[in-house]
PDB file of N, CA and C in Angstrom:
ATOM      1  N   MET A   1     139.336  57.198   9.275  1.00  0.00           N
ATOM      2  CA  MET A   1     138.459  57.779  10.283  1.00  0.00           C
ATOM      3  C   MET A   1     137.129  58.125   9.612  1.00  0.00           C
ATOM      4  N   ALA A   2     136.045  57.804  10.277  1.00  0.00           N
ATOM      5  CA  ALA A   2     134.719  58.065   9.739  1.00  0.00           C
ATOM      6  C   ALA A   2     134.430  59.568   9.704  1.00  0.00           C
ATOM      7  N   SER A   3     133.729  59.972   8.675  1.00  0.00           N
ATOM      8  CA  SER A   3     133.360  61.379   8.592  1.00  0.00           C
ATOM      9  C   SER A   3     132.194  61.665   9.540  1.00  0.00           C
ATOM     10  N   VAL A   4     132.067  62.910   9.899  1.00  0.00           N
ATOM     11  CA  VAL A   4     131.014  63.340  10.810  1.00  0.00           C
ATOM     12  C   VAL A   4     129.934  64.033   9.999  1.00  0.00           C
ATOM     13  N   ASN A   5     128.695  63.635  10.217  1.00  0.00           N
ATOM     14  CA  ASN A   5     127.563  64.269   9.548  1.00  0.00           C
ATOM     15  C   ASN A   5     127.040  65.360  10.479  1.00  0.00           C
ATOM     16  N   PRO A   6     127.297  66.646  10.165  1.00  0.00           N
ATOM     17  CA  PRO A   6     126.903  67.712  11.082  1.00  0.00           C
ATOM     18  C   PRO A   6     125.395  67.789  11.331  1.00  0.00           C
ATOM     19  N   VAL A   7     124.587  67.454  10.347  1.00  0.00           N
ATOM     20  CA  VAL A   7     123.127  67.499  10.529  1.00  0.00           C
ATOM     21  C   VAL A   7     122.695  66.396  11.492  1.00  0.00           C
ATOM     22  N   ALA A   8     123.223  65.206  11.307  1.00  0.00           N
ATOM     23  CA  ALA A   8     122.887  64.102  12.207  1.00  0.00           C
ATOM     24  C   ALA A   8     123.370  64.389  13.627  1.00  0.00           C
ATOM     25  N   GLU A   9     124.554  64.961  13.763  1.00  0.00           N
ATOM     26  CA  GLU A   9     125.074  65.307  15.091  1.00  0.00           C
ATOM     27  C   GLU A   9     124.194  66.346  15.779  1.00  0.00           C
ATOM     28  N   GLU A  10     123.808  67.370  15.048  1.00  0.00           N
ATOM     29  CA  GLU A  10     122.965  68.419  15.628  1.00  0.00           C
ATOM     30  C   GLU A  10     121.625  67.836  16.066  1.00  0.00           C
ATOM     31  N   THR A  11     121.046  66.978  15.246  1.00  0.00           N
ATOM     32  CA  THR A  11     119.775  66.339  15.581  1.00  0.00           C
ATOM     33  C   THR A  11     119.927  65.478  16.834  1.00  0.00           C
ATOM     34  N   TYR A  12     120.999  64.707  16.885  1.00  0.00           N
ATOM     35  CA  TYR A  12     121.235  63.852  18.046  1.00  0.00           C
ATOM     36  C   TYR A  12     121.371  64.685  19.322  1.00  0.00           C
ATOM     37  N   TRP A  13     122.248  65.696  19.293  1.00  0.00           N
ATOM     38  CA  TRP A  13     122.498  66.475  20.507  1.00  0.00           C
ATOM     39  C   TRP A  13     121.283  67.293  20.931  1.00  0.00           C
ATOM     40  N   ARG A  14     120.536  67.796  19.989  1.00  0.00           N
ATOM     41  CA  ARG A  14     119.328  68.552  20.341  1.00  0.00           C
ATOM     42  C   ARG A  14     118.352  67.650  21.115  1.00  0.00           C
ATOM     43  N   SER A  15     118.276  66.386  20.730  1.00  0.00           N
ATOM     44  CA  SER A  15     117.362  65.447  21.388  1.00  0.00           C
ATOM     45  C   SER A  15     117.920  64.870  22.681  1.00  0.00           C
ATOM     46  N   ASN A  16     119.247  64.871  22.837  1.00  0.00           N
ATOM     47  CA  ASN A  16     119.852  64.143  23.940  1.00  0.00           C
ATOM     48  C   ASN A  16     120.675  64.964  24.926  1.00  0.00           C
ATOM     49  N   TYR A  17     120.887  66.240  24.662  1.00  0.00           N
ATOM     50  CA  TYR A  17     121.780  67.022  25.521  1.00  0.00           C
ATOM     51  C   TYR A  17     121.322  67.033  26.981  1.00  0.00           C
ATOM     52  N   ALA A  18     120.022  67.071  27.214  1.00  0.00           N
ATOM     53  CA  ALA A  18     119.501  67.209  28.577  1.00  0.00           C
ATOM     54  C   ALA A  18     119.816  65.990  29.450  1.00  0.00           C
ATOM     55  N   ARG A  19     120.171  64.875  28.834  1.00  0.00           N
ATOM     56  CA  ARG A  19     120.501  63.664  29.592  1.00  0.00           C
ATOM     57  C   ARG A  19     121.958  63.623  30.048  1.00  0.00           C
ATOM     58  N   ARG A  20     122.756  64.567  29.588  1.00  0.00           N
ATOM     59  CA  ARG A  20     124.179  64.574  29.941  1.00  0.00           C
ATOM     60  C   ARG A  20     124.358  65.062  31.374  1.00  0.00           C
ATOM     61  N   PRO A  21     125.283  64.496  32.126  1.00  0.00           N
ATOM     62  CA  PRO A  21     125.445  64.861  33.539  1.00  0.00           C
ATOM     63  C   PRO A  21     125.905  66.298  33.777  1.00  0.00           C
ATOM     64  N   TYR A  22     126.532  66.920  32.791  1.00  0.00           N
ATOM     65  CA  TYR A  22     127.017  68.290  32.967  1.00  0.00           C
ATOM     66  C   TYR A  22     125.941  69.345  32.746  1.00  0.00           C
ATOM     67  N   VAL A  23     124.789  68.958  32.224  1.00  0.00           N
ATOM     68  CA  VAL A  23     123.721  69.925  31.956  1.00  0.00           C
ATOM     69  C   VAL A  23     123.031  70.264  33.270  1.00  0.00           C
ATOM     70  N   LYS A  24     123.054  71.542  33.580  1.00  0.00           N
ATOM     71  CA  LYS A  24     122.478  72.010  34.841  1.00  0.00           C
ATOM     72  C   LYS A  24     121.338  72.986  34.557  1.00  0.00           C
ATOM     73  N   GLY A  25     120.281  72.507  33.919  1.00  0.00           N
ATOM     74  CA  GLY A  25     119.103  73.321  33.695  1.00  0.00           C
ATOM     75  C   GLY A  25     119.192  74.321  32.557  1.00  0.00           C
ATOM     76  N   ALA A  26     120.282  74.351  31.833  1.00  0.00           N
ATOM     77  CA  ALA A  26     120.418  75.287  30.719  1.00  0.00           C
ATOM     78  C   ALA A  26     119.688  74.747  29.493  1.00  0.00           C
ATOM     79  N   SER A  27     119.412  75.625  28.554  1.00  0.00           N
ATOM     80  CA  SER A  27     118.711  75.222  27.335  1.00  0.00           C
ATOM     81  C   SER A  27     119.707  74.761  26.270  1.00  0.00           C
ATOM     82  N   TYR A  28     119.158  74.190  25.219  1.00  0.00           N
ATOM     83  CA  TYR A  28     120.013  73.771  24.104  1.00  0.00           C
ATOM     84  C   TYR A  28     120.741  74.965  23.502  1.00  0.00           C
ATOM     85  N   ASP A  29     120.172  76.158  23.614  1.00  0.00           N
ATOM     86  CA  ASP A  29     120.828  77.356  23.076  1.00  0.00           C
ATOM     87  C   ASP A  29     122.180  77.599  23.735  1.00  0.00           C
ATOM     88  N   ASP A  30     122.370  77.135  24.958  1.00  0.00           N
ATOM     89  CA  ASP A  30     123.665  77.247  25.620  1.00  0.00           C
ATOM     90  C   ASP A  30     124.634  76.171  25.156  1.00  0.00           C
ATOM     91  N   TYR A  31     124.143  74.965  24.932  1.00  0.00           N
ATOM     92  CA  TYR A  31     125.010  73.842  24.589  1.00  0.00           C
ATOM     93  C   TYR A  31     125.195  73.632  23.090  1.00  0.00           C
ATOM     94  N   GLY A  32     124.220  73.989  22.293  1.00  0.00           N
ATOM     95  CA  GLY A  32     124.300  73.775  20.849  1.00  0.00           C
ATOM     96  C   GLY A  32     125.529  74.375  20.199  1.00  0.00           C
ATOM     97  N   PRO A  33     125.873  75.638  20.484  1.00  0.00           N
ATOM     98  CA  PRO A  33     127.076  76.200  19.865  1.00  0.00           C
ATOM     99  C   PRO A  33     128.350  75.434  20.235  1.00  0.00           C
ATOM    100  N   ASP A  34     128.402  74.881  21.444  1.00  0.00           N
ATOM    101  CA  ASP A  34     129.582  74.110  21.835  1.00  0.00           C
ATOM    102  C   ASP A  34     129.648  72.795  21.070  1.00  0.00           C
ATOM    103  N   TYR A  35     128.509  72.136  20.929  1.00  0.00           N
ATOM    104  CA  TYR A  35     128.502  70.911  20.132  1.00  0.00           C
ATOM    105  C   TYR A  35     128.935  71.208  18.698  1.00  0.00           C
ATOM    106  N   GLN A  36     128.415  72.276  18.126  1.00  0.00           N
ATOM    107  CA  GLN A  36     128.782  72.647  16.758  1.00  0.00           C
ATOM    108  C   GLN A  36     130.270  72.976  16.668  1.00  0.00           C
ATOM    109  N   HIS A  37     130.791  73.665  17.659  1.00  0.00           N
ATOM    110  CA  HIS A  37     132.219  73.995  17.694  1.00  0.00           C
ATOM    111  C   HIS A  37     133.052  72.709  17.727  1.00  0.00           C
ATOM    112  N   GLY A  38     132.604  71.732  18.500  1.00  0.00           N
ATOM    113  CA  GLY A  38     133.309  70.455  18.565  1.00  0.00           C
ATOM    114  C   GLY A  38     133.274  69.705  17.242  1.00  0.00           C
ATOM    115  N   ILE A  39     132.126  69.715  16.583  1.00  0.00           N
ATOM    116  CA  ILE A  39     132.006  69.060  15.274  1.00  0.00           C
ATOM    117  C   ILE A  39     132.949  69.709  14.273  1.00  0.00           C
ATOM    118  N   ASN A  40     132.942  71.028  14.229  1.00  0.00           N
ATOM    119  CA  ASN A  40     133.814  71.741  13.293  1.00  0.00           C
ATOM    120  C   ASN A  40     135.285  71.534  13.631  1.00  0.00           C
ATOM    121  N   ALA A  41     135.613  71.519  14.916  1.00  0.00           N
ATOM    122  CA  ALA A  41     137.002  71.311  15.340  1.00  0.00           C
ATOM    123  C   ALA A  41     137.475  69.917  14.954  1.00  0.00           C
ATOM    124  N   HIS A  42     136.600  68.939  15.098  1.00  0.00           N
ATOM    125  CA  HIS A  42     136.957  67.569  14.719  1.00  0.00           C
ATOM    126  C   HIS A  42     137.317  67.500  13.236  1.00  0.00           C
ATOM    127  N   ARG A  43     136.540  68.163  12.415  1.00  0.00           N
ATOM    128  CA  ARG A  43     136.786  68.164  10.974  1.00  0.00           C
ATOM    129  C   ARG A  43     138.036  68.964  10.624  1.00  0.00           C
ATOM    130  N   LYS A  44     138.288  70.037  11.335  1.00  0.00           N
ATOM    131  CA  LYS A  44     139.424  70.915  11.040  1.00  0.00           C
ATOM    132  C   LYS A  44     140.747  70.365  11.567  1.00  0.00           C
ATOM    133  N   HIS A  45     140.725  69.729  12.721  1.00  0.00           N
ATOM    134  CA  HIS A  45     141.947  69.307  13.402  1.00  0.00           C
ATOM    135  C   HIS A  45     142.065  67.789  13.468  1.00  0.00           C
ATOM    136  N   LEU A  46     141.919  67.120  12.360  1.00  0.00           N
ATOM    137  CA  LEU A  46     142.085  65.663  12.352  1.00  0.00           C
ATOM    138  C   LEU A  46     143.536  65.337  12.669  1.00  0.00           C
ATOM    139  N   GLY A  47     143.738  64.534  13.661  1.00  0.00           N
ATOM    140  CA  GLY A  47     145.086  64.097  13.988  1.00  0.00           C
ATOM    141  C   GLY A  47     145.609  64.582  15.324  1.00  0.00           C
ATOM    142  N   PRO A  48     145.759  65.897  15.529  1.00  0.00           N
ATOM    143  CA  PRO A  48     146.354  66.351  16.780  1.00  0.00           C
ATOM    144  C   PRO A  48     145.486  66.012  17.993  1.00  0.00           C
ATOM    145  N   ALA A  49     146.154  65.809  19.106  1.00  0.00           N
ATOM    146  CA  ALA A  49     145.445  65.571  20.369  1.00  0.00           C
ATOM    147  C   ALA A  49     144.766  66.856  20.820  1.00  0.00           C
ATOM    148  N   PHE A  50     143.691  66.703  21.588  1.00  0.00           N
ATOM    149  CA  PHE A  50     142.949  67.861  22.088  1.00  0.00           C
ATOM    150  C   PHE A  50     143.888  68.842  22.795  1.00  0.00           C
ATOM    151  N   GLU A  51     144.779  68.339  23.618  1.00  0.00           N
ATOM    152  CA  GLU A  51     145.698  69.211  24.366  1.00  0.00           C
ATOM    153  C   GLU A  51     146.545  70.070  23.431  1.00  0.00           C
ATOM    154  N   ASP A  52     146.826  69.566  22.233  1.00  0.00           N
ATOM    155  CA  ASP A  52     147.655  70.306  21.276  1.00  0.00           C
ATOM    156  C   ASP A  52     146.909  71.448  20.598  1.00  0.00           C
ATOM    157  N   VAL A  53     145.588  71.396  20.572  1.00  0.00           N
ATOM    158  CA  VAL A  53     144.806  72.439  19.895  1.00  0.00           C
ATOM    159  C   VAL A  53     143.867  73.184  20.843  1.00  0.00           C
ATOM    160  N   LYS A  54     143.913  72.833  22.125  1.00  0.00           N
ATOM    161  CA  LYS A  54     142.990  73.407  23.110  1.00  0.00           C
ATOM    162  C   LYS A  54     143.039  74.926  23.144  1.00  0.00           C
ATOM    163  N   SER A  55     144.218  75.530  23.118  1.00  0.00           N
ATOM    164  CA  SER A  55     144.287  76.993  23.190  1.00  0.00           C
ATOM    165  C   SER A  55     143.692  77.633  21.937  1.00  0.00           C
ATOM    166  N   ASP A  56     143.913  77.040  20.762  1.00  0.00           N
ATOM    167  CA  ASP A  56     143.300  77.554  19.529  1.00  0.00           C
ATOM    168  C   ASP A  56     141.776  77.450  19.593  1.00  0.00           C
ATOM    169  N   LEU A  57     141.287  76.332  20.081  1.00  0.00           N
ATOM    170  CA  LEU A  57     139.843  76.143  20.192  1.00  0.00           C
ATOM    171  C   LEU A  57     139.231  77.134  21.174  1.00  0.00           C
ATOM    172  N   GLY A  58     139.944  77.421  22.251  1.00  0.00           N
ATOM    173  CA  GLY A  58     139.467  78.400  23.225  1.00  0.00           C
ATOM    174  C   GLY A  58     139.364  79.787  22.634  1.00  0.00           C
ATOM    175  N   ARG A  59     140.360  80.182  21.842  1.00  0.00           N
ATOM    176  CA  ARG A  59     140.294  81.480  21.165  1.00  0.00           C
ATOM    177  C   ARG A  59     139.128  81.508  20.173  1.00  0.00           C
ATOM    178  N   ASP A  60     138.948  80.419  19.456  1.00  0.00           N
ATOM    179  CA  ASP A  60     137.849  80.336  18.486  1.00  0.00           C
ATOM    180  C   ASP A  60     136.486  80.390  19.174  1.00  0.00           C
ATOM    181  N   TRP A  61     136.381  79.835  20.379  1.00  0.00           N
ATOM    182  CA  TRP A  61     135.110  79.782  21.094  1.00  0.00           C
ATOM    183  C   TRP A  61     134.529  81.172  21.291  1.00  0.00           C
ATOM    184  N   LEU A  62     135.370  82.148  21.507  1.00  0.00           N
ATOM    185  CA  LEU A  62     134.874  83.514  21.725  1.00  0.00           C
ATOM    186  C   LEU A  62     134.039  84.017  20.552  1.00  0.00           C
ATOM    187  N   SER A  63     134.398  83.630  19.346  1.00  0.00           N
ATOM    188  CA  SER A  63     133.641  84.080  18.174  1.00  0.00           C
ATOM    189  C   SER A  63     132.569  83.079  17.745  1.00  0.00           C
ATOM    190  N   LYS A  64     132.652  81.848  18.209  1.00  0.00           N
ATOM    191  CA  LYS A  64     131.714  80.796  17.782  1.00  0.00           C
ATOM    192  C   LYS A  64     130.567  80.574  18.750  1.00  0.00           C
ATOM    193  N   ARG A  65     130.633  81.126  19.940  1.00  0.00           N
ATOM    194  CA  ARG A  65     129.684  80.777  20.997  1.00  0.00           C
ATOM    195  C   ARG A  65     128.294  81.362  20.807  1.00  0.00           C
ATOM    196  N   SER A  66     128.136  82.313  19.904  1.00  0.00           N
ATOM    197  CA  SER A  66     126.829  82.906  19.632  1.00  0.00           C
ATOM    198  C   SER A  66     126.239  83.443  20.927  1.00  0.00           C
ATOM    199  N   ASN A  67     125.044  83.015  21.294  1.00  0.00           N
ATOM    200  CA  ASN A  67     124.389  83.491  22.517  1.00  0.00           C
ATOM    201  C   ASN A  67     124.584  82.556  23.707  1.00  0.00           C
ATOM    202  N   SER A  68     125.473  81.585  23.568  1.00  0.00           N
ATOM    203  CA  SER A  68     125.695  80.649  24.663  1.00  0.00           C
ATOM    204  C   SER A  68     126.260  81.366  25.878  1.00  0.00           C
ATOM    205  N   SER A  69     125.792  80.975  27.047  1.00  0.00           N
ATOM    206  CA  SER A  69     126.312  81.547  28.290  1.00  0.00           C
ATOM    207  C   SER A  69     127.535  80.795  28.795  1.00  0.00           C
ATOM    208  N   LEU A  70     127.925  79.709  28.116  1.00  0.00           N
ATOM    209  CA  LEU A  70     129.044  78.905  28.576  1.00  0.00           C
ATOM    210  C   LEU A  70     130.373  79.609  28.329  1.00  0.00           C
ATOM    211  N   GLU A  71     131.180  79.661  29.350  1.00  0.00           N
ATOM    212  CA  GLU A  71     132.554  80.119  29.204  1.00  0.00           C
ATOM    213  C   GLU A  71     133.382  78.943  28.705  1.00  0.00           C
ATOM    214  N   TRP A  72     134.536  79.210  28.116  1.00  0.00           N
ATOM    215  CA  TRP A  72     135.347  78.179  27.525  1.00  0.00           C
ATOM    216  C   TRP A  72     135.729  77.090  28.527  1.00  0.00           C
ATOM    217  N   ASP A  73     136.065  77.450  29.754  1.00  0.00           N
ATOM    218  CA  ASP A  73     136.478  76.432  30.716  1.00  0.00           C
ATOM    219  C   ASP A  73     135.365  75.413  30.974  1.00  0.00           C
ATOM    220  N   CYS A  74     134.130  75.816  30.872  1.00  0.00           N
ATOM    221  CA  CYS A  74     132.999  74.906  31.012  1.00  0.00           C
ATOM    222  C   CYS A  74     132.749  74.172  29.698  1.00  0.00           C
ATOM    223  N   ALA A  75     132.785  74.865  28.600  1.00  0.00           N
ATOM    224  CA  ALA A  75     132.488  74.273  27.292  1.00  0.00           C
ATOM    225  C   ALA A  75     133.486  73.173  26.938  1.00  0.00           C
ATOM    226  N   MET A  76     134.744  73.352  27.272  1.00  0.00           N
ATOM    227  CA  MET A  76     135.741  72.361  26.863  1.00  0.00           C
ATOM    228  C   MET A  76     135.649  71.069  27.670  1.00  0.00           C
ATOM    229  N   LYS A  77     134.932  71.070  28.772  1.00  0.00           N
ATOM    230  CA  LYS A  77     134.809  69.872  29.610  1.00  0.00           C
ATOM    231  C   LYS A  77     133.686  68.949  29.164  1.00  0.00           C
ATOM    232  N   MET A  78     132.898  69.391  28.209  1.00  0.00           N
ATOM    233  CA  MET A  78     131.762  68.589  27.784  1.00  0.00           C
ATOM    234  C   MET A  78     132.190  67.417  26.929  1.00  0.00           C
TER     235      MET A  78
END
């Protein structure tokens, strides 16, 4: 499995998040922490299916979300 470059991912999402269909006028400050959480989760949970780690990721989101206004149920759908 290819490794993920967190700097390249952050640069990509910062430039492209607004084109995603789920973005409803929010700023990158709302979506950036979720993208970062996903990058870190990918590196931490190599192998298990999303459904197998979803509850752990949801608990982690509470401490990782920074100033994002996204609740976990919205963040996990991205």
